[in-house]
């Protein structure tokens, strides 16, 4: 029952989905410039937003800038697009609902068998 419940909360694979407009090159993101993409990437690498991981890394901001300058425009745009598509808060709603349902079912199970 637990396995079925956990697998039912996983999002379905949709290989037949339509491609988003941005991926087709017709969206407003298709006209983004290198400067905008650099700004997006640098904002995500800002230590104030990225937490403890950036403070403990051994890469200096100058090294990051040097590595970013070696990327082509297409690679930079792809990286910026992926950063924009990340859900920073995650999605724990399905897991929380699953845990609550299992707890309720276990409670009902114990209540029923205790009465017998």
Protein backbone atom coordinates (compact mmCIF):
# COMPACT_ATOMS: atom_id res chain seq x y z
CA UNK A 1 0.00 0.00 0.00
CA UNK A 2 2.85 2.36 0.82
CA UNK A 3 4.57 1.65 -2.50
CA UNK A 4 1.37 2.29 -4.43
CA UNK A 5 0.74 5.52 -2.56
CA UNK A 6 4.25 6.79 -3.16
CA UNK A 7 4.23 5.93 -6.85
CA UNK A 8 0.86 7.61 -7.35
CA UNK A 9 2.30 10.93 -6.15
CA UNK A 10 5.02 10.97 -8.81
CA UNK A 11 4.30 13.21 -11.79
CA UNK A 12 3.48 11.29 -14.96
CA UNK A 13 5.96 11.20 -17.81
CA UNK A 14 4.57 13.08 -20.79
CA UNK A 15 6.79 12.44 -23.80
CA UNK A 16 4.09 13.73 -26.15
CA UNK A 17 3.97 17.25 -24.67
CA UNK A 18 4.18 20.24 -26.95
CA UNK A 19 7.40 22.21 -26.88
CA UNK A 20 7.17 25.52 -25.03
CA UNK A 21 7.23 28.65 -27.13
CA UNK A 22 10.55 29.74 -25.65
CA UNK A 23 12.19 26.51 -26.82
CA UNK A 24 10.97 27.15 -30.35
CA UNK A 25 12.71 30.55 -30.41
CA UNK A 26 9.52 32.59 -30.70
CA UNK A 27 9.14 33.72 -27.09
CA UNK A 28 10.38 36.86 -25.44
CA UNK A 29 13.31 34.93 -23.91
CA UNK A 30 14.61 34.15 -27.39
CA UNK A 31 15.70 37.76 -27.78
CA UNK A 32 17.60 37.89 -24.50
CA UNK A 33 21.09 39.24 -24.75
CA UNK A 34 24.34 37.98 -23.35
CA UNK A 35 24.26 40.69 -20.68
CA UNK A 36 20.81 39.61 -19.46
CA UNK A 37 21.90 35.98 -19.33
CA UNK A 38 25.06 36.90 -17.42
CA UNK A 39 22.99 38.93 -14.97
CA UNK A 40 20.67 35.95 -14.38
CA UNK A 41 23.56 33.56 -13.76
CA UNK A 42 25.45 35.95 -11.51
CA UNK A 43 22.32 36.64 -9.48
CA UNK A 44 21.91 32.92 -8.85
CA UNK A 45 25.57 32.64 -7.82
CA UNK A 46 25.29 35.54 -5.37
CA UNK A 47 26.36 34.28 -1.90
CA UNK A 48 23.43 36.08 -0.29
CA UNK A 49 20.97 33.87 -2.20
CA UNK A 50 22.85 30.60 -2.67
CA UNK A 51 23.46 30.00 1.04
CA UNK A 52 26.29 28.12 2.69
CA UNK A 53 27.41 26.20 -0.40
CA UNK A 54 28.89 29.28 -2.06
CA UNK A 55 30.75 30.28 1.11
CA UNK A 56 32.41 26.91 1.42
CA UNK A 57 33.35 26.60 -2.25
CA UNK A 58 36.95 27.27 -3.22
CA UNK A 59 36.05 29.31 -6.33
CA UNK A 60 36.49 33.05 -6.16
CA UNK A 61 34.16 35.49 -7.94
CA UNK A 62 36.98 36.33 -10.37
CA UNK A 63 37.30 32.67 -11.34
CA UNK A 64 33.55 32.46 -11.88
CA UNK A 65 33.64 35.52 -14.15
CA UNK A 66 36.56 34.05 -16.10
CA UNK A 67 34.72 30.77 -16.64
CA UNK A 68 31.52 32.54 -17.66
CA UNK A 69 33.39 34.65 -20.21
CA UNK A 70 34.62 31.44 -21.92
CA UNK A 71 31.05 30.24 -22.57
CA UNK A 72 29.48 30.83 -25.97
CA UNK A 73 26.26 32.83 -26.26
CA UNK A 74 24.24 29.65 -26.80
CA UNK A 75 25.74 27.92 -23.75
CA UNK A 76 25.19 31.02 -21.63
CA UNK A 77 21.57 31.31 -22.75
CA UNK A 78 20.96 27.61 -22.09
CA UNK A 79 22.38 27.91 -18.57
CA UNK A 80 20.32 31.03 -17.83
CA UNK A 81 17.17 29.34 -19.14
CA UNK A 82 17.75 26.33 -16.91
CA UNK A 83 18.31 28.55 -13.88
CA UNK A 84 15.02 30.33 -14.57
CA UNK A 85 13.16 27.02 -14.79
CA UNK A 86 14.37 25.73 -11.40
CA UNK A 87 11.80 25.64 -8.64
CA UNK A 88 13.84 27.00 -5.70
CA UNK A 89 11.41 25.97 -2.98
CA UNK A 90 10.93 22.43 -4.17
CA UNK A 91 7.63 20.61 -4.08
CA UNK A 92 7.03 18.82 -0.81
CA UNK A 93 3.25 19.02 -1.06
CA UNK A 94 2.83 15.51 -2.48
CA UNK A 95 5.14 14.01 0.11
CA UNK A 96 3.35 15.79 2.96
CA UNK A 97 -0.06 14.58 1.77
CA UNK A 98 1.26 11.03 1.40
CA UNK A 99 2.68 11.01 4.93
CA UNK A 100 -0.58 12.37 6.35
CA UNK A 101 -2.67 9.79 4.48
CA UNK A 102 -0.46 6.95 5.68
CA UNK A 103 -0.69 8.24 9.26
CA UNK A 104 -4.48 8.42 9.03
CA UNK A 105 -4.70 4.91 7.59
CA UNK A 106 -2.44 3.52 10.30
CA UNK A 107 -4.60 5.25 12.93
CA UNK A 108 -7.77 3.76 11.45
CA UNK A 109 -6.09 0.34 11.27
CA UNK A 110 -5.15 0.42 14.96
CA UNK A 111 -8.58 1.73 15.97
CA UNK A 112 -10.44 -1.03 14.10
CA UNK A 113 -8.24 -3.89 15.35
CA UNK A 114 -8.23 -2.63 18.91
CA UNK A 115 -12.04 -2.87 19.00
CA UNK A 116 -12.08 -6.49 17.80
